[in-house]
Amino acid sequence: MKNLLKHTWTIYFLIVFVLSFTLLYPAFVVLLSKKKHYNSAQRLRRIWGIFLMFMTGIRPEVTYEEQLDENKTYVFTPNHFSYMDIVTIGTLLPHLFGFMAKKELANIPLFRVFFRSIDMPVDRKSKDGAKRAYYLANKKLREGMSLVNFPEGGIGSTSPIMQKFKLGAFKLAMEHNLEIVPITLADNWKRLPIDGNFIPKGTPGKMRMHVHRPIPTENLKGGDELKLADEVYAIIEQKINELNSL
């Protein structure tokens, strides 16, 4: 019975997700057609996410170790345990940013409009695809748009233990002398888990996002990206363990 309720909640969540996003899709198409409206599109994505959370019993909680400048460009590096992570970041992070996400998401009709404008698809199986994503990320950073990159490269099967970090986001931050901002997403592996079921056993409840203190990169040199990645990994890992022990 308990598992049935979890499957039912997941189905309900997906119905609300698709219907509400479909209703707003024409507005996203219009707003994402011109760069001057990207901020408005981002605000609309946040409003949609807040509505989705309210309708499905998800309780967002955001904490900052240090107040961030909303007009500053950052490279954000969250852990990645669930498809819910994209919803969390898109709803709770008040910056203009683009996601670097796997190319399969760009093939979903509802999401395609974002990957044609502010978000960047990454084909990790193709050298040319990876180079194109890296080129687009550099271009957006030069234009002043922040970047959200999941350094694990995808959702693993070991949640809440992270996979080894890839180095692309850290190299980008160093090349542009930008601060890295680690983000801990503590609960999404419970809200919408990757559990091997066709319909995951999801649950309503807390959705905690902890935004860590920015890490400067201007004094780092080539080769330091591995040390930086290890530092960010340790910061997020410690917070995941701390929040899940409460």
C-alpha atoms as a PDB file:
ATOM      1  CA  MET A   1       0.000   0.000   0.000  1.00  0.00           C
ATOM      2  CA  LYS A   2       2.841   2.380   0.881  1.00  0.00           C
ATOM      3  CA  ASN A   3       4.543   1.771  -2.466  1.00  0.00           C
ATOM      4  CA  LEU A   4       1.244   2.272  -4.292  1.00  0.00           C
ATOM      5  CA  LEU A   5       0.844   5.680  -2.667  1.00  0.00           C
ATOM      6  CA  LYS A   6       4.374   6.633  -3.713  1.00  0.00           C
ATOM      7  CA  HIS A   7       3.757   5.586  -7.308  1.00  0.00           C
ATOM      8  CA  THR A   8       0.454   7.488  -7.273  1.00  0.00           C
ATOM      9  CA  TRP A   9       2.148  10.648  -6.012  1.00  0.00           C
ATOM     10  CA  THR A  10       4.740  10.411  -8.793  1.00  0.00           C
ATOM     11  CA  ILE A  11       2.015  10.101 -11.430  1.00  0.00           C
ATOM     12  CA  TYR A  12       0.189  13.083  -9.923  1.00  0.00           C
ATOM     13  CA  PHE A  13       3.443  15.095  -9.869  1.00  0.00           C
ATOM     14  CA  LEU A  14       4.121  14.322 -13.534  1.00  0.00           C
ATOM     15  CA  ILE A  15       0.571  15.271 -14.552  1.00  0.00           C
ATOM     16  CA  VAL A  16       0.812  18.636 -12.777  1.00  0.00           C
ATOM     17  CA  PHE A  17       4.312  19.135 -14.215  1.00  0.00           C
ATOM     18  CA  VAL A  18       3.295  18.519 -17.825  1.00  0.00           C
ATOM     19  CA  LEU A  19      -0.070  20.324 -17.764  1.00  0.00           C
ATOM     20  CA  SER A  20       1.220  23.469 -16.048  1.00  0.00           C
ATOM     21  CA  PHE A  21       4.335  23.653 -18.222  1.00  0.00           C
ATOM     22  CA  THR A  22       2.273  23.128 -21.377  1.00  0.00           C
ATOM     23  CA  LEU A  23      -0.003  26.028 -20.470  1.00  0.00           C
ATOM     24  CA  LEU A  24       2.999  28.326 -20.041  1.00  0.00           C
ATOM     25  CA  TYR A  25       4.882  27.039 -23.067  1.00  0.00           C
ATOM     26  CA  PRO A  26       3.661  29.728 -25.502  1.00  0.00           C
ATOM     27  CA  ALA A  27       4.850  32.416 -23.083  1.00  0.00           C
ATOM     28  CA  PHE A  28       8.266  30.747 -22.835  1.00  0.00           C
ATOM     29  CA  VAL A  29       8.510  30.621 -26.634  1.00  0.00           C
ATOM     30  CA  VAL A  30       7.852  34.353 -26.876  1.00  0.00           C
ATOM     31  CA  LEU A  31      10.164  35.365 -24.017  1.00  0.00           C
ATOM     32  CA  LEU A  32      13.052  33.155 -25.138  1.00  0.00           C
ATOM     33  CA  SER A  33      12.924  34.463 -28.700  1.00  0.00           C
ATOM     34  CA  LYS A  34      14.945  37.547 -27.700  1.00  0.00           C
ATOM     35  CA  LYS A  35      17.854  37.879 -25.274  1.00  0.00           C
ATOM     36  CA  LYS A  36      16.408  41.028 -23.725  1.00  0.00           C
ATOM     37  CA  HIS A  37      13.528  38.915 -22.368  1.00  0.00           C
ATOM     38  CA  TYR A  38      15.669  36.100 -20.882  1.00  0.00           C
ATOM     39  CA  ASN A  39      15.336  37.504 -17.365  1.00  0.00           C
ATOM     40  CA  SER A  40      11.554  37.498 -17.700  1.00  0.00           C
ATOM     41  CA  ALA A  41      11.654  33.905 -18.923  1.00  0.00           C
ATOM     42  CA  GLN A  42      13.744  32.972 -15.911  1.00  0.00           C
ATOM     43  CA  ARG A  43      11.267  34.656 -13.575  1.00  0.00           C
ATOM     44  CA  LEU A  44       8.408  32.789 -15.241  1.00  0.00           C
ATOM     45  CA  ARG A  45      10.278  29.500 -14.790  1.00  0.00           C
ATOM     46  CA  ARG A  46      10.608  30.301 -11.096  1.00  0.00           C
ATOM     47  CA  ILE A  47       6.893  31.098 -10.771  1.00  0.00           C
ATOM     48  CA  TRP A  48       6.035  27.835 -12.519  1.00  0.00           C
ATOM     49  CA  GLY A  49       8.331  25.902 -10.156  1.00  0.00           C
ATOM     50  CA  ILE A  50       6.785  27.502  -7.074  1.00  0.00           C
ATOM     51  CA  PHE A  51       3.313  26.557  -8.340  1.00  0.00           C
ATOM     52  CA  LEU A  52       4.453  22.994  -9.042  1.00  0.00           C
ATOM     53  CA  MET A  53       5.896  22.616  -5.543  1.00  0.00           C
ATOM     54  CA  PHE A  54       2.788  24.061  -3.905  1.00  0.00           C
ATOM     55  CA  MET A  55       0.445  21.763  -5.835  1.00  0.00           C
ATOM     56  CA  THR A  56       2.481  18.621  -5.108  1.00  0.00           C
ATOM     57  CA  GLY A  57       3.283  19.099  -1.435  1.00  0.00           C
ATOM     58  CA  ILE A  58       6.971  19.953  -1.799  1.00  0.00           C
ATOM     59  CA  ARG A  59       8.345  22.340   0.818  1.00  0.00           C
ATOM     60  CA  PRO A  60      11.378  24.283  -0.447  1.00  0.00           C
ATOM     61  CA  GLU A  61      14.002  25.523   2.002  1.00  0.00           C
ATOM     62  CA  VAL A  62      16.961  27.627   0.870  1.00  0.00           C
ATOM     63  CA  THR A  63      19.977  28.631   2.960  1.00  0.00           C
ATOM     64  CA  TYR A  64      22.949  30.776   1.950  1.00  0.00           C
ATOM     65  CA  GLU A  65      26.322  30.850   3.651  1.00  0.00           C
ATOM     66  CA  GLU A  66      26.920  34.226   2.036  1.00  0.00           C
ATOM     67  CA  GLN A  67      24.617  36.554   0.130  1.00  0.00           C
ATOM     68  CA  LEU A  68      25.323  36.416  -3.594  1.00  0.00           C
ATOM     69  CA  ASP A  69      25.256  39.322  -6.021  1.00  0.00           C
ATOM     70  CA  GLU A  70      22.382  38.626  -8.442  1.00  0.00           C
ATOM     71  CA  ASN A  71      24.135  40.725 -11.111  1.00  0.00           C
ATOM     72  CA  LYS A  72      27.428  38.847 -10.864  1.00  0.00           C
ATOM     73  CA  THR A  73      28.420  35.901 -13.037  1.00  0.00           C
ATOM     74  CA  TYR A  74      29.076  32.604 -11.240  1.00  0.00           C
ATOM     75  CA  VAL A  75      29.642  28.954 -12.052  1.00  0.00           C
ATOM     76  CA  PHE A  76      27.249  26.921  -9.889  1.00  0.00           C
ATOM     77  CA  THR A  77      28.103  23.259  -9.234  1.00  0.00           C
ATOM     78  CA  PRO A  78      25.291  21.253  -7.558  1.00  0.00           C
ATOM     79  CA  ASN A  79      25.277  17.546  -6.788  1.00  0.00           C
ATOM     80  CA  HIS A  80      22.962  15.517  -9.025  1.00  0.00           C
ATOM     81  CA  PHE A  81      20.801  12.717  -7.583  1.00  0.00           C
ATOM     82  CA  SER A  82      17.418  13.282  -9.266  1.00  0.00           C
ATOM     83  CA  TYR A  83      15.642  14.888 -12.217  1.00  0.00           C
ATOM     84  CA  MET A  84      14.067  17.061  -9.544  1.00  0.00           C
ATOM     85  CA  ASP A  85      17.433  18.854  -9.229  1.00  0.00           C
ATOM     86  CA  ILE A  86      16.754  20.899 -12.374  1.00  0.00           C
ATOM     87  CA  VAL A  87      13.372  22.002 -11.036  1.00  0.00           C
ATOM     88  CA  THR A  88      14.948  22.937  -7.694  1.00  0.00           C
ATOM     89  CA  ILE A  89      17.723  25.038  -9.186  1.00  0.00           C
ATOM     90  CA  GLY A  90      15.441  26.637 -11.772  1.00  0.00           C
ATOM     91  CA  THR A  91      12.956  27.629  -9.078  1.00  0.00           C
ATOM     92  CA  LEU A  92      15.120  28.592  -6.134  1.00  0.00           C
ATOM     93  CA  LEU A  93      18.186  30.242  -7.675  1.00  0.00           C
ATOM     94  CA  PRO A  94      17.410  33.924  -8.443  1.00  0.00           C
ATOM     95  CA  HIS A  95      20.036  34.462 -11.151  1.00  0.00           C
ATOM     96  CA  LEU A  96      20.058  34.533 -14.914  1.00  0.00           C
ATOM     97  CA  PHE A  97      21.825  31.303 -15.775  1.00  0.00           C
ATOM     98  CA  GLY A  98      21.982  28.510 -18.303  1.00  0.00           C
ATOM     99  CA  PHE A  99      22.011  24.810 -17.521  1.00  0.00           C
ATOM    100  CA  MET A 100      24.569  22.497 -19.037  1.00  0.00           C
ATOM    101  CA  ALA A 101      22.560  19.267 -19.225  1.00  0.00           C
ATOM    102  CA  LYS A 102      22.615  16.035 -21.172  1.00  0.00           C
ATOM    103  CA  LYS A 103      21.436  16.304 -24.760  1.00  0.00           C
ATOM    104  CA  GLU A 104      18.547  13.854 -24.228  1.00  0.00           C
ATOM    105  CA  LEU A 105      16.651  16.586 -22.357  1.00  0.00           C
ATOM    106  CA  ALA A 106      16.920  18.814 -25.418  1.00  0.00           C
ATOM    107  CA  ASN A 107      15.041  16.173 -27.413  1.00  0.00           C
ATOM    108  CA  ILE A 108      11.954  16.534 -25.206  1.00  0.00           C
ATOM    109  CA  PRO A 109       9.618  18.924 -27.066  1.00  0.00           C
ATOM    110  CA  LEU A 110       8.661  20.968 -23.982  1.00  0.00           C
ATOM    111  CA  PHE A 111      12.295  21.631 -23.070  1.00  0.00           C
ATOM    112  CA  ARG A 112      13.641  22.250 -26.574  1.00  0.00           C
ATOM    113  CA  VAL A 113      12.907  25.969 -26.466  1.00  0.00           C
ATOM    114  CA  PHE A 114      15.265  26.374 -23.495  1.00  0.00           C
ATOM    115  CA  PHE A 115      18.095  24.484 -25.178  1.00  0.00           C
ATOM    116  CA  ARG A 116      17.761  26.681 -28.237  1.00  0.00           C
ATOM    117  CA  SER A 117      18.273  29.790 -26.119  1.00  0.00           C
ATOM    118  CA  ILE A 118      19.663  29.833 -22.568  1.00  0.00           C
ATOM    119  CA  ASP A 119      20.473  26.177 -21.805  1.00  0.00           C
ATOM    120  CA  MET A 120      23.228  24.072 -23.363  1.00  0.00           C
ATOM    121  CA  PRO A 121      22.913  20.402 -24.361  1.00  0.00           C
ATOM    122  CA  VAL A 122      25.961  18.231 -23.705  1.00  0.00           C
ATOM    123  CA  ASP A 123      26.668  15.086 -25.706  1.00  0.00           C
ATOM    124  CA  ARG A 124      29.258  13.396 -23.519  1.00  0.00           C
ATOM    125  CA  LYS A 125      29.567  10.476 -25.934  1.00  0.00           C
ATOM    126  CA  SER A 126      30.753  12.718 -28.752  1.00  0.00           C
ATOM    127  CA  LYS A 127      33.960  14.781 -28.802  1.00  0.00           C
ATOM    128  CA  ASP A 128      32.367  17.246 -31.220  1.00  0.00           C
ATOM    129  CA  GLY A 129      29.276  17.498 -29.005  1.00  0.00           C
ATOM    130  CA  ALA A 130      31.372  18.144 -25.923  1.00  0.00           C
ATOM    131  CA  LYS A 131      33.407  20.788 -27.762  1.00  0.00           C
ATOM    132  CA  ARG A 132      30.243  22.539 -28.923  1.00  0.00           C
ATOM    133  CA  ALA A 133      28.855  22.604 -25.374  1.00  0.00           C
ATOM    134  CA  TYR A 134      32.163  24.008 -24.109  1.00  0.00           C
ATOM    135  CA  TYR A 135      32.086  26.687 -26.837  1.00  0.00           C
ATOM    136  CA  LEU A 136      28.494  27.683 -25.962  1.00  0.00           C
ATOM    137  CA  ALA A 137      29.316  27.814 -22.248  1.00  0.00           C
ATOM    138  CA  ASN A 138      32.296  30.097 -22.904  1.00  0.00           C
ATOM    139  CA  LYS A 139      30.121  32.337 -25.065  1.00  0.00           C
ATOM    140  CA  LYS A 140      27.410  32.687 -22.428  1.00  0.00           C
ATOM    141  CA  LEU A 141      29.917  33.341 -19.653  1.00  0.00           C
ATOM    142  CA  ARG A 142      31.517  36.100 -21.728  1.00  0.00           C
ATOM    143  CA  GLU A 143      28.046  37.612 -22.162  1.00  0.00           C
ATOM    144  CA  GLY A 144      27.615  37.687 -18.370  1.00  0.00           C
ATOM    145  CA  MET A 145      25.245  34.743 -17.965  1.00  0.00           C
ATOM    146  CA  SER A 146      25.950  32.434 -15.034  1.00  0.00           C
ATOM    147  CA  LEU A 147      26.332  28.706 -15.587  1.00  0.00           C
ATOM    148  CA  VAL A 148      24.851  25.720 -13.750  1.00  0.00           C
ATOM    149  CA  ASN A 149      26.834  22.542 -14.331  1.00  0.00           C
ATOM    150  CA  PHE A 150      26.313  19.200 -12.594  1.00  0.00           C
ATOM    151  CA  PRO A 151      29.948  18.060 -12.326  1.00  0.00           C
ATOM    152  CA  GLU A 152      28.968  14.427 -11.789  1.00  0.00           C
ATOM    153  CA  GLY A 153      27.966  14.440 -15.448  1.00  0.00           C
ATOM    154  CA  GLY A 154      24.673  12.669 -14.826  1.00  0.00           C
ATOM    155  CA  ILE A 155      22.538  10.921 -12.241  1.00  0.00           C
ATOM    156  CA  GLY A 156      24.242   7.889 -10.763  1.00  0.00           C
ATOM    157  CA  SER A 157      22.835   4.888  -8.957  1.00  0.00           C
ATOM    158  CA  THR A 158      24.674   5.482  -5.677  1.00  0.00           C
ATOM    159  CA  SER A 159      22.620   8.329  -4.148  1.00  0.00           C
ATOM    160  CA  PRO A 160      23.230   9.901  -1.690  1.00  0.00           C
ATOM    161  CA  ILE A 161      26.871   9.132  -2.516  1.00  0.00           C
ATOM    162  CA  MET A 162      28.178  11.347  -5.306  1.00  0.00           C
ATOM    163  CA  GLN A 163      29.976  10.161  -8.400  1.00  0.00           C
ATOM    164  CA  LYS A 164      33.454  11.412  -9.254  1.00  0.00           C
ATOM    165  CA  PHE A 165      33.421  14.988 -10.557  1.00  0.00           C
ATOM    166  CA  LYS A 166      34.306  15.859 -14.147  1.00  0.00           C
ATOM    167  CA  LEU A 167      36.533  18.907 -14.560  1.00  0.00           C
ATOM    168  CA  GLY A 168      34.834  20.981 -17.273  1.00  0.00           C
ATOM    169  CA  ALA A 169      33.020  23.423 -15.001  1.00  0.00           C
ATOM    170  CA  PHE A 170      36.142  24.067 -12.945  1.00  0.00           C
ATOM    171  CA  LYS A 171      38.252  24.724 -16.029  1.00  0.00           C
ATOM    172  CA  LEU A 172      35.636  27.173 -17.300  1.00  0.00           C
ATOM    173  CA  ALA A 173      35.560  29.054 -14.004  1.00  0.00           C
ATOM    174  CA  MET A 174      39.347  29.302 -13.959  1.00  0.00           C
ATOM    175  CA  GLU A 175      39.552  30.458 -17.587  1.00  0.00           C
ATOM    176  CA  HIS A 176      37.102  33.282 -16.872  1.00  0.00           C
ATOM    177  CA  ASN A 177      38.360  34.052 -13.328  1.00  0.00           C
ATOM    178  CA  LEU A 178      34.875  33.378 -11.977  1.00  0.00           C
ATOM    179  CA  GLU A 179      33.858  32.175  -8.555  1.00  0.00           C
ATOM    180  CA  ILE A 180      32.660  28.600  -8.156  1.00  0.00           C
ATOM    181  CA  VAL A 181      29.539  28.257  -6.003  1.00  0.00           C
ATOM    182  CA  PRO A 182      28.933  24.724  -4.661  1.00  0.00           C
ATOM    183  CA  ILE A 183      25.278  23.834  -4.081  1.00  0.00           C
ATOM    184  CA  THR A 184      24.027  20.962  -1.942  1.00  0.00           C
ATOM    185  CA  LEU A 185      20.667  19.419  -2.866  1.00  0.00           C
ATOM    186  CA  ALA A 186      19.981  17.235   0.141  1.00  0.00           C
ATOM    187  CA  ASP A 187      16.542  15.701  -0.393  1.00  0.00           C
ATOM    188  CA  ASN A 188      15.774  15.236  -4.070  1.00  0.00           C
ATOM    189  CA  TRP A 189      16.976  11.641  -4.068  1.00  0.00           C
ATOM    190  CA  LYS A 190      14.018  10.979  -1.746  1.00  0.00           C
ATOM    191  CA  ARG A 191      11.468  13.197  -3.502  1.00  0.00           C
ATOM    192  CA  LEU A 192      11.931  11.699  -6.974  1.00  0.00           C
ATOM    193  CA  PRO A 193      14.485   8.879  -6.837  1.00  0.00           C
ATOM    194  CA  ILE A 194      16.126   7.023  -9.686  1.00  0.00           C
ATOM    195  CA  ASP A 195      15.165   3.655  -8.243  1.00  0.00           C
ATOM    196  CA  GLY A 196      14.927   1.393 -11.285  1.00  0.00           C
ATOM    197  CA  ASN A 197      11.133   1.524 -11.386  1.00  0.00           C
ATOM    198  CA  PHE A 198       9.294   2.620 -14.522  1.00  0.00           C
ATOM    199  CA  ILE A 199       7.314   4.902 -12.205  1.00  0.00           C
ATOM    200  CA  PRO A 200       9.623   6.000  -9.373  1.00  0.00           C
ATOM    201  CA  LYS A 201       8.449   5.828  -5.777  1.00  0.00           C
ATOM    202  CA  GLY A 202       8.324   9.556  -5.140  1.00  0.00           C
ATOM    203  CA  THR A 203       7.216  11.427  -2.044  1.00  0.00           C
ATOM    204  CA  PRO A 204       6.227  14.967  -1.078  1.00  0.00           C
ATOM    205  CA  GLY A 205       8.200  16.687   1.671  1.00  0.00           C
ATOM    206  CA  LYS A 206      11.213  18.917   2.205  1.00  0.00           C
ATOM    207  CA  MET A 207      13.376  20.141  -0.648  1.00  0.00           C
ATOM    208  CA  ARG A 208      16.465  21.700   0.906  1.00  0.00           C
ATOM    209  CA  MET A 209      18.987  23.658  -1.134  1.00  0.00           C
ATOM    210  CA  HIS A 210      22.131  24.902   0.593  1.00  0.00           C
ATOM    211  CA  VAL A 211      24.187  27.476  -1.324  1.00  0.00           C
ATOM    212  CA  HIS A 212      27.789  27.471  -0.148  1.00  0.00           C
ATOM    213  CA  ARG A 213      30.238  30.340   0.049  1.00  0.00           C
ATOM    214  CA  PRO A 214      31.765  31.238  -3.353  1.00  0.00           C
ATOM    215  CA  ILE A 215      35.277  29.967  -4.049  1.00  0.00           C
ATOM    216  CA  PRO A 216      37.534  32.394  -5.966  1.00  0.00           C
ATOM    217  CA  THR A 217      39.612  31.089  -8.866  1.00  0.00           C
ATOM    218  CA  GLU A 218      41.660  34.095 -10.013  1.00  0.00           C
ATOM    219  CA  ASN A 219      44.864  32.884  -8.317  1.00  0.00           C
ATOM    220  CA  LEU A 220      44.630  29.346  -9.668  1.00  0.00           C
ATOM    221  CA  LYS A 221      46.706  28.115 -12.589  1.00  0.00           C
ATOM    222  CA  GLY A 222      46.430  25.351 -15.155  1.00  0.00           C
ATOM    223  CA  GLY A 223      46.368  21.980 -13.427  1.00  0.00           C
ATOM    224  CA  ASP A 224      44.650  23.299 -10.290  1.00  0.00           C
ATOM    225  CA  GLU A 225      41.207  22.263 -11.567  1.00  0.00           C
ATOM    226  CA  LEU A 226      41.559  18.800 -10.010  1.00  0.00           C
ATOM    227  CA  LYS A 227      42.345  20.283  -6.600  1.00  0.00           C
ATOM    228  CA  LEU A 228      39.409  22.684  -6.984  1.00  0.00           C
ATOM    229  CA  ALA A 229      37.058  19.852  -7.944  1.00  0.00           C
ATOM    230  CA  ASP A 230      38.167  17.816  -4.938  1.00  0.00           C
ATOM    231  CA  GLU A 231      37.570  20.817  -2.659  1.00  0.00           C
ATOM    232  CA  VAL A 232      34.038  21.334  -3.988  1.00  0.00           C
ATOM    233  CA  TYR A 233      33.302  17.605  -3.747  1.00  0.00           C
ATOM    234  CA  ALA A 234      34.354  17.563  -0.080  1.00  0.00           C
ATOM    235  CA  ILE A 235      32.244  20.649   0.734  1.00  0.00           C
ATOM    236  CA  ILE A 236      29.080  19.186  -0.791  1.00  0.00           C
ATOM    237  CA  GLU A 237      29.683  15.706   0.602  1.00  0.00           C
ATOM    238  CA  GLN A 238      30.030  17.032   4.136  1.00  0.00           C
ATOM    239  CA  LYS A 239      26.785  19.011   3.843  1.00  0.00           C
ATOM    240  CA  ILE A 240      24.861  16.067   2.366  1.00  0.00           C
ATOM    241  CA  ASN A 241      25.944  13.888   5.294  1.00  0.00           C
ATOM    242  CA  GLU A 242      25.111  16.618   7.789  1.00  0.00           C
ATOM    243  CA  LEU A 243      21.627  17.352   6.437  1.00  0.00           C
ATOM    244  CA  ASN A 244      20.680  13.700   6.021  1.00  0.00           C
ATOM    245  CA  SER A 245      21.705  12.884   9.572  1.00  0.00           C
ATOM    246  CA  LEU A 246      19.100  15.276  11.014  1.00  0.00           C
END
